[in-house]
Amino acid sequence: MSELAIARFLVAVLALALLACGGSLLHPASARLLGKLPRAYAVGVVLSAICWIWVMAQLLLFPIDFLA
């Protein structure tokens, strides 16, 4: 199996998973569950900053050639 075929397969699996997650959020019970989740702005900002730092570190360690 070529690398392109593997990449296409992984993208298709990801798309199906996202569709399944999105479809499950349309159910009224899941909407009520999401409404009950706690929200903390400061925690969200900190987690977002950590994720951005991790992504930047990964791009510095493993540069992506097609973006250059």
C-alpha atoms as a PDB file:
ATOM      1  CA  MET A   1       0.000   0.000   0.000  1.00  0.00           C
ATOM      2  CA  SER A   2       1.463   3.353  -1.007  1.00  0.00           C
ATOM      3  CA  GLU A   3       1.881   6.278   1.350  1.00  0.00           C
ATOM      4  CA  LEU A   4      -0.717   8.269  -0.587  1.00  0.00           C
ATOM      5  CA  ALA A   5      -3.283   5.489  -0.192  1.00  0.00           C
ATOM      6  CA  ILE A   6      -2.596   5.308   3.545  1.00  0.00           C
ATOM      7  CA  ALA A   7      -2.968   9.088   3.855  1.00  0.00           C
ATOM      8  CA  ARG A   8      -6.265   9.008   1.942  1.00  0.00           C
ATOM      9  CA  PHE A   9      -7.527   6.219   4.172  1.00  0.00           C
ATOM     10  CA  LEU A  10      -6.581   8.116   7.339  1.00  0.00           C
ATOM     11  CA  VAL A  11      -8.269  11.297   6.092  1.00  0.00           C
ATOM     12  CA  ALA A  12     -11.420   9.321   5.249  1.00  0.00           C
ATOM     13  CA  VAL A  13     -11.454   7.726   8.716  1.00  0.00           C
ATOM     14  CA  LEU A  14     -10.977  11.132  10.339  1.00  0.00           C
ATOM     15  CA  ALA A  15     -13.803  12.624   8.263  1.00  0.00           C
ATOM     16  CA  LEU A  16     -16.147   9.784   9.245  1.00  0.00           C
ATOM     17  CA  ALA A  17     -15.225  10.166  12.910  1.00  0.00           C
ATOM     18  CA  LEU A  18     -15.904  13.902  12.785  1.00  0.00           C
ATOM     19  CA  LEU A  19     -19.249  13.318  11.091  1.00  0.00           C
ATOM     20  CA  ALA A  20     -20.182  10.753  13.728  1.00  0.00           C
ATOM     21  CA  CYS A  21     -19.237  13.130  16.551  1.00  0.00           C
ATOM     22  CA  GLY A  22     -21.152  15.968  14.935  1.00  0.00           C
ATOM     23  CA  GLY A  23     -24.183  13.775  14.396  1.00  0.00           C
ATOM     24  CA  SER A  24     -24.201  12.671  18.012  1.00  0.00           C
ATOM     25  CA  LEU A  25     -24.225  16.313  19.134  1.00  0.00           C
ATOM     26  CA  LEU A  26     -27.542  16.836  17.344  1.00  0.00           C
ATOM     27  CA  HIS A  27     -29.298  14.544  19.806  1.00  0.00           C
ATOM     28  CA  PRO A  28     -31.166  16.502  22.531  1.00  0.00           C
ATOM     29  CA  ALA A  29     -29.658  14.414  25.343  1.00  0.00           C
ATOM     30  CA  SER A  30     -26.122  15.263  24.263  1.00  0.00           C
ATOM     31  CA  ALA A  31     -27.040  18.963  24.047  1.00  0.00           C
ATOM     32  CA  ARG A  32     -28.224  18.841  27.665  1.00  0.00           C
ATOM     33  CA  LEU A  33     -25.028  17.040  28.674  1.00  0.00           C
ATOM     34  CA  LEU A  34     -22.848  19.660  26.981  1.00  0.00           C
ATOM     35  CA  GLY A  35     -24.800  22.398  28.750  1.00  0.00           C
ATOM     36  CA  LYS A  36     -23.979  20.858  32.129  1.00  0.00           C
ATOM     37  CA  LEU A  37     -20.208  20.757  31.539  1.00  0.00           C
ATOM     38  CA  PRO A  38     -18.268  23.251  33.633  1.00  0.00           C
ATOM     39  CA  ARG A  39     -16.602  26.115  31.842  1.00  0.00           C
ATOM     40  CA  ALA A  40     -13.581  28.006  33.064  1.00  0.00           C
ATOM     41  CA  TYR A  41     -12.139  30.751  30.890  1.00  0.00           C
ATOM     42  CA  ALA A  42      -8.719  30.781  32.563  1.00  0.00           C
ATOM     43  CA  VAL A  43      -8.275  27.014  32.211  1.00  0.00           C
ATOM     44  CA  GLY A  44      -9.219  27.243  28.542  1.00  0.00           C
ATOM     45  CA  VAL A  45      -6.687  29.991  27.905  1.00  0.00           C
ATOM     46  CA  VAL A  46      -3.923  28.052  29.662  1.00  0.00           C
ATOM     47  CA  LEU A  47      -4.702  24.822  27.785  1.00  0.00           C
ATOM     48  CA  SER A  48      -4.852  26.695  24.496  1.00  0.00           C
ATOM     49  CA  ALA A  49      -1.469  28.320  25.175  1.00  0.00           C
ATOM     50  CA  ILE A  50       0.069  24.940  26.028  1.00  0.00           C
ATOM     51  CA  CYS A  51      -1.296  23.458  22.805  1.00  0.00           C
ATOM     52  CA  TRP A  52       0.057  26.323  20.693  1.00  0.00           C
ATOM     53  CA  ILE A  53       3.479  26.018  22.305  1.00  0.00           C
ATOM     54  CA  TRP A  54       3.469  22.269  21.633  1.00  0.00           C
ATOM     55  CA  VAL A  55       2.530  22.806  17.981  1.00  0.00           C
ATOM     56  CA  MET A  56       5.264  25.422  17.540  1.00  0.00           C
ATOM     57  CA  ALA A  57       7.828  23.098  19.118  1.00  0.00           C
ATOM     58  CA  GLN A  58       6.786  20.274  16.817  1.00  0.00           C
ATOM     59  CA  LEU A  59       7.087  22.511  13.763  1.00  0.00           C
ATOM     60  CA  LEU A  60      10.548  23.607  14.865  1.00  0.00           C
ATOM     61  CA  LEU A  61      11.647  20.000  15.404  1.00  0.00           C
ATOM     62  CA  PHE A  62       9.989  18.555  12.297  1.00  0.00           C
ATOM     63  CA  PRO A  63       9.617  21.283   9.649  1.00  0.00           C
ATOM     64  CA  ILE A  64       7.033  20.785   6.948  1.00  0.00           C
ATOM     65  CA  ASP A  65       8.666  21.275   3.562  1.00  0.00           C
ATOM     66  CA  PHE A  66       5.556  22.061   1.516  1.00  0.00           C
ATOM     67  CA  LEU A  67       4.832  25.167   3.609  1.00  0.00           C
ATOM     68  CA  ALA A  68       8.205  26.727   2.757  1.00  0.00           C
END
